Amino acid sequence: MIDLKQELFKQCAVFVNKRSQTVEEIISSNQKALQSETKSSAGDKHETGRAMLQLEMEKASQQLAGISVMNQILAKIDASKTSDIAHLGSIVITEKANYFLSISAGKLTAFGKDYYAVSVSSPIGKILLGKKVNEEYSFNKINNKVILIK
């Protein structure tokens, strides 16, 4: 079980690192573009271009802040910790799907099975948080039951 948690944790870390690299490349590219923007006879066009680049930079900065939060959440996960109650870092097996309560990283595959990495602040994460084995819940008008918590 710990191997499975470590594998899912590793995949989440890789997801965050890839996003971080992408955002940093965008920021670097936009900084170069801002520096190379030269004033032309079309002044309004120049100002519009700079404003658009500035907006892109702000958006990328917000994404970097989100990535930082994801790293903080991952730092709180202890792969060796197990519990009968679903918590941050738990693997929750239900009748319909498998979840890893961590960050919103989407569908992950480990040891031949699919798991959904979901944030504990996401709608499904909030529902699963605190659940115990055999507890039933409803999400999107679909009834489900917790089979196992790792």
N, C-alpha and C. Protein backbone atom coordinates (compact mmCIF):
# COMPACT_ATOMS: atom_id res chain seq x y z
N MET A 1 0.82 -1.20 0.00
CA MET A 1 0.00 0.00 0.00
C MET A 1 0.87 1.27 0.00
N ILE A 2 1.94 1.23 0.78
CA ILE A 2 2.82 2.40 0.83
C ILE A 2 3.46 2.64 -0.53
N ASP A 3 3.80 1.56 -1.24
CA ASP A 3 4.37 1.70 -2.59
C ASP A 3 3.39 2.41 -3.51
N LEU A 4 2.12 2.06 -3.41
CA LEU A 4 1.09 2.69 -4.24
C LEU A 4 0.99 4.18 -3.91
N LYS A 5 0.95 4.51 -2.63
CA LYS A 5 0.88 5.92 -2.23
C LYS A 5 2.10 6.68 -2.72
N GLN A 6 3.27 6.07 -2.57
CA GLN A 6 4.49 6.74 -3.01
C GLN A 6 4.49 6.96 -4.52
N GLU A 7 3.97 6.00 -5.26
CA GLU A 7 3.89 6.13 -6.72
C GLU A 7 2.93 7.26 -7.10
N LEU A 8 1.76 7.31 -6.48
CA LEU A 8 0.80 8.37 -6.77
C LEU A 8 1.35 9.73 -6.35
N PHE A 9 2.00 9.77 -5.20
CA PHE A 9 2.62 11.01 -4.73
C PHE A 9 3.66 11.49 -5.73
N LYS A 10 4.49 10.56 -6.20
CA LYS A 10 5.55 10.90 -7.18
C LYS A 10 4.94 11.46 -8.45
N GLN A 11 3.86 10.85 -8.92
CA GLN A 11 3.20 11.34 -10.14
C GLN A 11 2.62 12.74 -9.93
N CYS A 12 2.11 13.01 -8.74
CA CYS A 12 1.60 14.36 -8.43
C CYS A 12 2.75 15.37 -8.44
N ALA A 13 3.88 14.97 -7.86
CA ALA A 13 5.05 15.86 -7.83
C ALA A 13 5.53 16.16 -9.25
N VAL A 14 5.55 15.15 -10.11
CA VAL A 14 5.95 15.33 -11.51
C VAL A 14 4.97 16.28 -12.20
N PHE A 15 3.67 16.11 -11.93
CA PHE A 15 2.64 16.98 -12.50
C PHE A 15 2.91 18.44 -12.14
N VAL A 16 3.20 18.68 -10.85
CA VAL A 16 3.46 20.04 -10.37
C VAL A 16 4.74 20.60 -11.01
N ASN A 17 5.78 19.78 -11.09
CA ASN A 17 7.03 20.24 -11.70
C ASN A 17 6.86 20.61 -13.16
N LYS A 18 6.10 19.80 -13.90
CA LYS A 18 5.86 20.10 -15.32
C LYS A 18 5.10 21.41 -15.46
N ARG A 19 4.08 21.61 -14.63
CA ARG A 19 3.31 22.86 -14.69
C ARG A 19 4.20 24.05 -14.36
N SER A 20 5.05 23.87 -13.37
CA SER A 20 5.96 24.93 -12.97
C SER A 20 6.90 25.30 -14.11
N GLN A 21 7.47 24.31 -14.77
CA GLN A 21 8.37 24.56 -15.89
C GLN A 21 7.65 25.29 -17.01
N THR A 22 6.44 24.87 -17.32
CA THR A 22 5.66 25.50 -18.39
C THR A 22 5.40 26.97 -18.07
N VAL A 23 4.97 27.24 -16.85
CA VAL A 23 4.67 28.62 -16.46
C VAL A 23 5.94 29.47 -16.47
N GLU A 24 7.04 28.92 -15.98
CA GLU A 24 8.30 29.67 -15.99
C GLU A 24 8.76 29.97 -17.41
N GLU A 25 8.53 29.04 -18.34
CA GLU A 25 8.87 29.28 -19.75
C GLU A 25 8.01 30.40 -20.32
N ILE A 26 6.74 30.41 -19.95
CA ILE A 26 5.83 31.47 -20.42
C ILE A 26 6.29 32.83 -19.89
N ILE A 27 6.64 32.87 -18.62
CA ILE A 27 7.10 34.13 -18.02
C ILE A 27 8.38 34.60 -18.71
N SER A 28 9.31 33.69 -18.90
CA SER A 28 10.57 34.05 -19.56
C SER A 28 10.33 34.56 -20.97
N SER A 29 9.48 33.88 -21.70
CA SER A 29 9.15 34.27 -23.07
C SER A 29 8.50 35.66 -23.09
N ASN A 30 7.58 35.89 -22.16
CA ASN A 30 6.90 37.19 -22.11
C ASN A 30 7.85 38.32 -21.70
N GLN A 31 8.80 38.01 -20.80
CA GLN A 31 9.78 39.03 -20.40
C GLN A 31 10.64 39.42 -21.59
N LYS A 32 11.06 38.43 -22.37
CA LYS A 32 11.85 38.73 -23.57
C LYS A 32 11.04 39.56 -24.55
N ALA A 33 9.77 39.20 -24.71
CA ALA A 33 8.91 39.92 -25.64
C ALA A 33 8.70 41.37 -25.17
N LEU A 34 8.55 41.55 -23.86
CA LEU A 34 8.40 42.91 -23.33
C LEU A 34 9.65 43.74 -23.58
N GLN A 35 10.81 43.13 -23.41
CA GLN A 35 12.06 43.84 -23.61
C GLN A 35 12.29 44.18 -25.09
N SER A 36 11.80 43.32 -25.97
CA SER A 36 12.04 43.56 -27.39
C SER A 36 10.97 44.45 -28.03
N GLU A 37 9.87 44.69 -27.29
CA GLU A 37 8.83 45.60 -27.78
C GLU A 37 9.44 46.98 -27.94
N THR A 38 9.48 47.47 -29.14
CA THR A 38 10.03 48.82 -29.35
C THR A 38 8.94 49.75 -29.82
N LYS A 39 9.12 50.98 -29.46
CA LYS A 39 8.13 51.99 -29.84
C LYS A 39 8.19 52.19 -31.36
N SER A 40 7.06 52.04 -31.97
CA SER A 40 7.01 52.26 -33.42
C SER A 40 6.13 53.47 -33.69
N SER A 41 5.93 53.74 -34.96
CA SER A 41 5.07 54.87 -35.30
C SER A 41 3.62 54.58 -34.91
N ALA A 42 3.32 53.31 -34.78
CA ALA A 42 1.96 52.91 -34.36
C ALA A 42 1.95 52.81 -32.84
N GLY A 43 1.94 53.94 -32.15
CA GLY A 43 2.03 54.01 -30.69
C GLY A 43 0.95 53.23 -29.97
N ASP A 44 -0.31 53.36 -30.42
CA ASP A 44 -1.41 52.65 -29.77
C ASP A 44 -1.23 51.14 -29.86
N LYS A 45 -0.76 50.69 -31.01
CA LYS A 45 -0.54 49.26 -31.21
C LYS A 45 0.54 48.77 -30.24
N HIS A 46 1.57 49.58 -30.07
CA HIS A 46 2.66 49.24 -29.14
C HIS A 46 2.12 49.12 -27.72
N GLU A 47 1.32 50.09 -27.30
CA GLU A 47 0.78 50.09 -25.94
C GLU A 47 -0.15 48.89 -25.73
N THR A 48 -0.95 48.56 -26.73
CA THR A 48 -1.84 47.41 -26.64
C THR A 48 -1.04 46.12 -26.50
N GLY A 49 0.02 46.00 -27.28
CA GLY A 49 0.87 44.81 -27.20
C GLY A 49 1.50 44.67 -25.83
N ARG A 50 1.99 45.77 -25.28
CA ARG A 50 2.60 45.75 -23.94
C ARG A 50 1.56 45.38 -22.89
N ALA A 51 0.36 45.93 -23.02
CA ALA A 51 -0.71 45.65 -22.05
C ALA A 51 -1.09 44.16 -22.09
N MET A 52 -1.17 43.61 -23.28
CA MET A 52 -1.50 42.19 -23.43
C MET A 52 -0.42 41.32 -22.78
N LEU A 53 0.85 41.67 -23.03
CA LEU A 53 1.95 40.91 -22.42
C LEU A 53 1.92 41.03 -20.90
N GLN A 54 1.59 42.22 -20.42
CA GLN A 54 1.50 42.43 -18.97
C GLN A 54 0.40 41.57 -18.36
N LEU A 55 -0.73 41.47 -19.04
CA LEU A 55 -1.82 40.62 -18.57
C LEU A 55 -1.39 39.15 -18.53
N GLU A 56 -0.68 38.73 -19.56
CA GLU A 56 -0.17 37.35 -19.61
C GLU A 56 0.79 37.09 -18.44
N MET A 57 1.61 38.08 -18.14
CA MET A 57 2.57 37.94 -17.02
C MET A 57 1.82 37.80 -15.69
N GLU A 58 0.78 38.61 -15.51
CA GLU A 58 -0.01 38.54 -14.28
C GLU A 58 -0.69 37.19 -14.14
N LYS A 59 -1.23 36.70 -15.25
CA LYS A 59 -1.89 35.39 -15.25
C LYS A 59 -0.88 34.29 -14.90
N ALA A 60 0.30 34.35 -15.47
CA ALA A 60 1.34 33.36 -15.19
C ALA A 60 1.79 33.44 -13.73
N SER A 61 1.85 34.65 -13.19
CA SER A 61 2.22 34.82 -11.78
C SER A 61 1.18 34.18 -10.86
N GLN A 62 -0.08 34.32 -11.22
CA GLN A 62 -1.15 33.68 -10.43
C GLN A 62 -1.02 32.16 -10.51
N GLN A 63 -0.67 31.65 -11.69
CA GLN A 63 -0.47 30.21 -11.84
C GLN A 63 0.70 29.73 -10.99
N LEU A 64 1.77 30.53 -10.94
CA LEU A 64 2.92 30.18 -10.09
C LEU A 64 2.51 30.13 -8.62
N ALA A 65 1.65 31.05 -8.19
CA ALA A 65 1.17 31.05 -6.82
C ALA A 65 0.38 29.77 -6.54
N GLY A 66 -0.43 29.35 -7.50
CA GLY A 66 -1.19 28.11 -7.37
C GLY A 66 -0.28 26.90 -7.29
N ILE A 67 0.79 26.91 -8.05
CA ILE A 67 1.77 25.83 -8.03
C ILE A 67 2.46 25.78 -6.68
N SER A 68 2.75 26.94 -6.11
CA SER A 68 3.35 27.01 -4.79
C SER A 68 2.43 26.37 -3.74
N VAL A 69 1.14 26.66 -3.83
CA VAL A 69 0.15 26.07 -2.91
C VAL A 69 0.14 24.54 -3.08
N MET A 70 0.18 24.07 -4.32
CA MET A 70 0.21 22.61 -4.55
C MET A 70 1.43 21.99 -3.90
N ASN A 71 2.58 22.64 -4.02
CA ASN A 71 3.80 22.13 -3.38
C ASN A 71 3.65 22.08 -1.86
N GLN A 72 3.02 23.09 -1.29
CA GLN A 72 2.79 23.11 0.15
C GLN A 72 1.89 21.96 0.58
N ILE A 73 0.86 21.68 -0.21
CA ILE A 73 -0.06 20.58 0.10
C ILE A 73 0.68 19.25 0.01
N LEU A 74 1.46 19.07 -1.06
CA LEU A 74 2.23 17.82 -1.20
C LEU A 74 3.20 17.63 -0.04
N ALA A 75 3.77 18.71 0.47
CA ALA A 75 4.71 18.63 1.58
C ALA A 75 4.03 18.12 2.86
N LYS A 76 2.72 18.28 2.96
CA LYS A 76 1.98 17.84 4.14
C LYS A 76 1.62 16.35 4.10
N ILE A 77 1.77 15.71 2.94
CA ILE A 77 1.37 14.31 2.80
C ILE A 77 2.46 13.39 3.31
N ASP A 78 2.06 12.47 4.17
CA ASP A 78 2.96 11.44 4.70
C ASP A 78 2.48 10.10 4.12
N ALA A 79 3.23 9.59 3.15
CA ALA A 79 2.83 8.35 2.45
C ALA A 79 2.80 7.14 3.38
N SER A 80 3.48 7.21 4.51
CA SER A 80 3.51 6.05 5.41
C SER A 80 2.32 6.06 6.37
N LYS A 81 1.59 7.17 6.45
CA LYS A 81 0.48 7.28 7.39
C LYS A 81 -0.77 6.59 6.84
N THR A 82 -1.37 5.76 7.67
CA THR A 82 -2.63 5.13 7.29
C THR A 82 -3.68 5.45 8.35
N SER A 83 -4.93 5.36 7.97
CA SER A 83 -6.02 5.69 8.88
C SER A 83 -7.29 5.03 8.38
N ASP A 84 -8.24 4.85 9.27
CA ASP A 84 -9.54 4.30 8.89
C ASP A 84 -10.45 5.40 8.35
N ILE A 85 -9.99 6.64 8.51
CA ILE A 85 -10.78 7.80 8.07
C ILE A 85 -10.03 8.50 6.94
N ALA A 86 -10.73 8.81 5.86
CA ALA A 86 -10.12 9.47 4.70
C ALA A 86 -9.59 10.84 5.09
N HIS A 87 -8.32 11.10 4.75
CA HIS A 87 -7.65 12.36 5.07
C HIS A 87 -6.70 12.72 3.92
N LEU A 88 -6.07 13.88 4.02
CA LEU A 88 -5.09 14.28 3.01
C LEU A 88 -4.02 13.19 2.90
N GLY A 89 -3.84 12.66 1.71
CA GLY A 89 -2.87 11.59 1.49
C GLY A 89 -3.49 10.21 1.42
N SER A 90 -4.79 10.11 1.69
CA SER A 90 -5.47 8.81 1.64
C SER A 90 -5.77 8.38 0.20
N ILE A 91 -5.75 7.09 0.02
CA ILE A 91 -6.28 6.51 -1.21
C ILE A 91 -7.65 5.98 -0.84
N VAL A 92 -8.67 6.43 -1.54
CA VAL A 92 -10.04 6.03 -1.24
C VAL A 92 -10.56 5.22 -2.43
N ILE A 93 -10.85 3.95 -2.15
CA ILE A 93 -11.39 3.06 -3.18
C ILE A 93 -12.91 3.01 -2.99
N THR A 94 -13.64 3.34 -4.05
CA THR A 94 -15.10 3.30 -3.98
C THR A 94 -15.60 2.29 -4.99
N GLU A 95 -16.90 2.07 -4.97
CA GLU A 95 -17.49 1.12 -5.93
C GLU A 95 -17.30 1.58 -7.37
N LYS A 96 -17.25 2.90 -7.59
CA LYS A 96 -17.22 3.42 -8.96
C LYS A 96 -15.88 4.00 -9.40
N ALA A 97 -15.02 4.40 -8.47
CA ALA A 97 -13.74 5.01 -8.85
C ALA A 97 -12.76 4.95 -7.68
N ASN A 98 -11.49 5.23 -8.00
CA ASN A 98 -10.43 5.26 -7.00
C ASN A 98 -9.89 6.68 -6.93
N TYR A 99 -9.66 7.18 -5.70
CA TYR A 99 -9.22 8.55 -5.51
C TYR A 99 -7.97 8.62 -4.66
N PHE A 100 -7.13 9.62 -4.95
CA PHE A 100 -5.98 9.94 -4.11
C PHE A 100 -6.21 11.36 -3.64
N LEU A 101 -6.46 11.53 -2.34
CA LEU A 101 -6.74 12.86 -1.79
C LEU A 101 -5.43 13.62 -1.64
N SER A 102 -5.18 14.53 -2.56
CA SER A 102 -3.91 15.24 -2.59
C SER A 102 -4.09 16.60 -3.25
N ILE A 103 -3.72 16.69 -4.52
CA ILE A 103 -3.90 17.91 -5.31
C ILE A 103 -4.73 17.56 -6.54
N SER A 104 -5.28 18.54 -7.18
CA SER A 104 -6.05 18.29 -8.40
C SER A 104 -5.09 18.07 -9.56
N ALA A 105 -4.75 16.81 -9.79
CA ALA A 105 -3.82 16.47 -10.86
C ALA A 105 -4.48 15.58 -11.91
N GLY A 106 -5.76 15.31 -11.76
CA GLY A 106 -6.47 14.51 -12.75
C GLY A 106 -6.23 13.03 -12.59
N LYS A 107 -6.39 12.33 -13.72
CA LYS A 107 -6.31 10.87 -13.72
C LYS A 107 -4.85 10.40 -13.74
N LEU A 108 -4.52 9.52 -12.81
CA LEU A 108 -3.20 8.92 -12.72
C LEU A 108 -3.36 7.41 -12.84
N THR A 109 -2.33 6.76 -13.36
CA THR A 109 -2.36 5.30 -13.45
C THR A 109 -1.17 4.75 -12.69
N ALA A 110 -1.45 3.81 -11.78
CA ALA A 110 -0.38 3.19 -11.01
C ALA A 110 -0.70 1.71 -10.83
N PHE A 111 0.27 0.90 -11.09
CA PHE A 111 0.14 -0.56 -10.95
C PHE A 111 -1.09 -1.09 -11.69
N GLY A 112 -1.33 -0.54 -12.87
CA GLY A 112 -2.40 -1.02 -13.74
C GLY A 112 -3.80 -0.54 -13.41
N LYS A 113 -3.94 0.36 -12.44
CA LYS A 113 -5.26 0.87 -12.09
C LYS A 113 -5.27 2.39 -12.17
N ASP A 114 -6.46 2.92 -12.44
CA ASP A 114 -6.63 4.37 -12.54
C ASP A 114 -7.05 4.95 -11.19
N TYR A 115 -6.50 6.10 -10.88
CA TYR A 115 -6.82 6.85 -9.66
C TYR A 115 -7.00 8.30 -10.06
N TYR A 116 -7.90 8.98 -9.38
CA TYR A 116 -8.10 10.39 -9.63
C TYR A 116 -7.48 11.17 -8.47
N ALA A 117 -6.46 11.95 -8.78
CA ALA A 117 -5.84 12.81 -7.78
C ALA A 117 -6.74 14.03 -7.64
N VAL A 118 -7.36 14.16 -6.47
CA VAL A 118 -8.29 15.27 -6.23
C VAL A 118 -7.88 16.05 -4.98
N SER A 119 -8.12 17.32 -5.02
CA SER A 119 -7.85 18.19 -3.88
C SER A 119 -8.93 17.97 -2.82
N VAL A 120 -8.55 18.10 -1.56
CA VAL A 120 -9.54 17.96 -0.49
C VAL A 120 -10.50 19.16 -0.47
N SER A 121 -10.17 20.21 -1.22
CA SER A 121 -11.08 21.36 -1.30
C SER A 121 -11.97 21.30 -2.55
N SER A 122 -11.80 20.27 -3.38
CA SER A 122 -12.67 20.09 -4.55
C SER A 122 -14.01 19.52 -4.07
N PRO A 123 -15.05 19.61 -4.88
CA PRO A 123 -16.36 19.07 -4.45
C PRO A 123 -16.29 17.59 -4.03
N ILE A 124 -15.67 16.73 -4.84
CA ILE A 124 -15.59 15.31 -4.47
C ILE A 124 -14.64 15.12 -3.29
N GLY A 125 -13.57 15.90 -3.23
CA GLY A 125 -12.63 15.81 -2.12
C GLY A 125 -13.29 16.15 -0.80
N LYS A 126 -14.13 17.18 -0.79
CA LYS A 126 -14.85 17.57 0.43
C LYS A 126 -15.77 16.46 0.89
N ILE A 127 -16.40 15.79 -0.06
CA ILE A 127 -17.32 14.69 0.28
C ILE A 127 -16.54 13.51 0.86
N LEU A 128 -15.42 13.16 0.24
CA LEU A 128 -14.66 11.98 0.67
C LEU A 128 -13.92 12.21 1.99
N LEU A 129 -13.52 13.43 2.25
CA LEU A 129 -12.76 13.76 3.46
C LEU A 129 -13.57 13.36 4.70
N GLY A 130 -12.97 12.53 5.55
CA GLY A 130 -13.64 12.10 6.77
C GLY A 130 -14.50 10.85 6.63
N LYS A 131 -14.63 10.34 5.41
CA LYS A 131 -15.43 9.12 5.19
C LYS A 131 -14.71 7.91 5.76
N LYS A 132 -15.49 6.88 6.09
CA LYS A 132 -14.97 5.61 6.58
C LYS A 132 -15.42 4.50 5.64
N VAL A 133 -14.80 3.34 5.77
CA VAL A 133 -15.17 2.18 4.95
C VAL A 133 -16.65 1.86 5.16
N ASN A 134 -17.33 1.52 4.08
CA ASN A 134 -18.75 1.17 4.02
C ASN A 134 -19.69 2.38 4.10
N GLU A 135 -19.14 3.58 4.21
CA GLU A 135 -20.00 4.77 4.20
C GLU A 135 -20.45 5.04 2.78
N GLU A 136 -21.70 5.43 2.66
CA GLU A 136 -22.26 5.76 1.35
C GLU A 136 -22.35 7.28 1.21
N TYR A 137 -22.30 7.73 -0.03
CA TYR A 137 -22.42 9.16 -0.32
C TYR A 137 -23.00 9.32 -1.71
N SER A 138 -23.43 10.54 -1.99
CA SER A 138 -23.97 10.86 -3.31
C SER A 138 -23.19 12.03 -3.88
N PHE A 139 -22.77 11.90 -5.14
CA PHE A 139 -22.06 12.98 -5.83
C PHE A 139 -22.60 13.06 -7.25
N ASN A 140 -23.01 14.24 -7.66
CA ASN A 140 -23.63 14.44 -8.99
C ASN A 140 -24.80 13.48 -9.21
N LYS A 141 -25.61 13.32 -8.17
CA LYS A 141 -26.81 12.47 -8.20
C LYS A 141 -26.49 11.00 -8.43
N ILE A 142 -25.24 10.61 -8.15
CA ILE A 142 -24.85 9.20 -8.28
C ILE A 142 -24.46 8.70 -6.90
N ASN A 143 -25.11 7.62 -6.47
CA ASN A 143 -24.81 7.04 -5.18
C ASN A 143 -23.55 6.18 -5.29
N ASN A 144 -22.73 6.21 -4.24
CA ASN A 144 -21.47 5.46 -4.24
C ASN A 144 -21.18 5.02 -2.82
N LYS A 145 -20.23 4.12 -2.67
CA LYS A 145 -19.89 3.57 -1.37
C LYS A 145 -18.38 3.40 -1.26
N VAL A 146 -17.84 3.77 -0.10
CA VAL A 146 -16.41 3.60 0.15
C VAL A 146 -16.14 2.13 0.46
N ILE A 147 -15.23 1.52 -0.27
CA ILE A 147 -14.90 0.11 -0.08
C ILE A 147 -13.65 -0.05 0.78
N LEU A 148 -12.66 0.82 0.54
CA LEU A 148 -11.37 0.69 1.22
C LEU A 148 -10.69 2.05 1.32
N ILE A 149 -10.00 2.26 2.43
CA ILE A 149 -9.20 3.48 2.60
C ILE A 149 -7.79 3.03 2.93
N LYS A 150 -6.83 3.53 2.15
CA LYS A 150 -5.44 3.13 2.34
C LYS A 150 -4.63 4.33 2.82
